């Protein structure tokens, strides 16, 4: 099932690519998808629950729908999320496949925001 979801996610940008360009709303959709993925991630260890909440907080702060949200602020928060998720994966506190999926989705979001920001 997870493999199907990942394959589906990889195919999502294709309709966007068919249009002339991506929008910040496209990037927000990816952010929401990543947030949904994080909700299912199990973080081990005595601080697992608080680390899990910190990951979700990073993504909420990255939302492009927040009042006054700027692309550079969102990029910074996605970077903070990616670093935190990477540390958890390196420590073995999240499953390797989950850590890789979080990295891939955060890379996709970063690329999306950078591309849209360049076009504006």
Protein backbone atom coordinates (compact mmCIF):
# COMPACT_ATOMS: atom_id res chain seq x y z
CA UNK A 1 0.00 0.00 0.00
CA UNK A 2 2.77 2.45 0.96
CA UNK A 3 4.56 1.75 -2.31
CA UNK A 4 1.38 2.56 -4.22
CA UNK A 5 1.02 5.84 -2.28
CA UNK A 6 4.63 6.77 -3.00
CA UNK A 7 4.19 5.96 -6.69
CA UNK A 8 1.03 8.07 -6.73
CA UNK A 9 2.84 10.96 -5.06
CA UNK A 10 5.64 10.86 -7.57
CA UNK A 11 3.11 11.20 -10.36
CA UNK A 12 1.32 14.21 -8.81
CA UNK A 13 3.60 16.94 -10.22
CA UNK A 14 2.98 15.77 -13.78
CA UNK A 15 -0.33 17.62 -14.19
CA UNK A 16 1.36 20.73 -12.83
CA UNK A 17 4.19 20.35 -15.32
CA UNK A 18 1.66 20.21 -18.14
CA UNK A 19 0.59 23.73 -17.22
CA UNK A 20 2.91 26.62 -17.86
CA UNK A 21 4.21 26.71 -14.28
CA UNK A 22 3.79 25.66 -10.68
CA UNK A 23 2.00 27.85 -8.14
CA UNK A 24 2.46 28.32 -4.41
CA UNK A 25 -0.83 26.45 -4.00
CA UNK A 26 0.83 23.44 -5.67
CA UNK A 27 3.64 23.70 -3.12
CA UNK A 28 1.12 23.97 -0.28
CA UNK A 29 -0.54 20.76 -1.47
CA UNK A 30 2.86 19.03 -1.18
CA UNK A 31 3.29 20.51 2.31
CA UNK A 32 -0.09 19.15 3.36
CA UNK A 33 0.83 15.75 1.93
CA UNK A 34 4.08 15.72 3.89
CA UNK A 35 2.22 16.71 7.04
CA UNK A 36 -0.10 13.74 6.51
CA UNK A 37 2.90 11.45 6.10
CA UNK A 38 4.45 12.75 9.32
CA UNK A 39 1.25 12.07 11.24
CA UNK A 40 1.78 8.34 10.52
CA UNK A 41 5.49 8.28 11.38
CA UNK A 42 6.49 6.56 14.59
CA UNK A 43 9.43 8.19 16.41
CA UNK A 44 11.10 5.88 18.91
CA UNK A 45 12.80 6.81 22.15
CA UNK A 46 11.81 8.54 25.36
CA UNK A 47 11.42 11.86 23.52
CA UNK A 48 9.60 10.32 20.55
CA UNK A 49 6.28 12.09 21.13
CA UNK A 50 7.87 15.51 21.52
CA UNK A 51 10.10 14.97 18.46
CA UNK A 52 7.02 13.95 16.48
CA UNK A 53 5.23 17.13 17.57
CA UNK A 54 8.30 19.21 16.65
CA UNK A 55 8.25 17.75 13.12
CA UNK A 56 4.58 18.68 12.75
CA UNK A 57 5.22 22.16 14.16
CA UNK A 58 8.00 22.76 11.62
CA UNK A 59 5.58 21.93 8.80
CA UNK A 60 2.78 24.07 10.20
CA UNK A 61 5.23 26.97 10.38
CA UNK A 62 6.21 26.27 6.76
CA UNK A 63 2.63 26.63 5.54
CA UNK A 64 2.27 29.11 2.72
CA UNK A 65 -1.30 29.79 3.83
CA UNK A 66 -0.24 31.55 7.02
CA UNK A 67 -0.96 35.25 7.08
CA UNK A 68 2.09 37.12 5.80
CA UNK A 69 3.83 33.90 4.76
CA UNK A 70 6.89 34.40 2.57
CA UNK A 71 8.64 31.86 0.40
CA UNK A 72 11.97 32.32 2.15
CA UNK A 73 10.38 31.72 5.57
CA UNK A 74 8.70 28.59 4.30
CA UNK A 75 11.99 27.35 2.81
CA UNK A 76 13.72 27.94 6.14
CA UNK A 77 11.08 25.91 8.01
CA UNK A 78 11.16 23.09 5.46
CA UNK A 79 14.95 23.05 5.88
CA UNK A 80 14.54 22.88 9.66
CA UNK A 81 12.10 19.99 9.24
CA UNK A 82 14.44 18.18 6.85
CA UNK A 83 17.37 18.53 9.25
CA UNK A 84 15.32 17.27 12.23
CA UNK A 85 13.89 14.35 10.22
CA UNK A 86 17.37 13.52 8.91
CA UNK A 87 18.79 13.42 12.42
CA UNK A 88 16.01 11.12 13.58
CA UNK A 89 16.62 8.82 10.61
CA UNK A 90 20.39 8.81 11.19
CA UNK A 91 19.81 7.88 14.83
CA UNK A 92 17.49 5.06 13.77
CA UNK A 93 14.55 6.65 15.57
CA UNK A 94 12.37 6.47 12.46
CA UNK A 95 12.34 3.61 9.99
CA UNK A 96 14.82 4.02 7.16
CA UNK A 97 12.14 3.96 4.47
CA UNK A 98 10.14 6.63 6.33
CA UNK A 99 13.22 8.79 6.73
CA UNK A 100 13.92 8.56 3.01
CA UNK A 101 10.32 9.35 2.14
CA UNK A 102 10.35 12.44 4.39
CA UNK A 103 13.61 13.57 2.76
CA UNK A 104 12.23 13.07 -0.75
CA UNK A 105 9.01 14.95 -0.04
CA UNK A 106 10.81 17.82 1.66
CA UNK A 107 13.20 18.04 -1.31
CA UNK A 108 10.18 18.18 -3.64
CA UNK A 109 8.63 20.99 -1.59
CA UNK A 110 11.89 22.92 -1.54
CA UNK A 111 12.24 22.59 -5.30
CA UNK A 112 8.61 23.65 -5.81
CA UNK A 113 8.91 26.78 -3.64
CA UNK A 114 12.23 27.77 -5.23
CA UNK A 115 10.82 27.36 -8.73
CA UNK A 116 7.67 29.37 -7.99
CA UNK A 117 9.67 32.06 -6.19
CA UNK A 118 11.96 32.46 -9.22
CA UNK A 119 8.99 32.84 -11.55
CA UNK A 120 7.32 35.56 -9.46
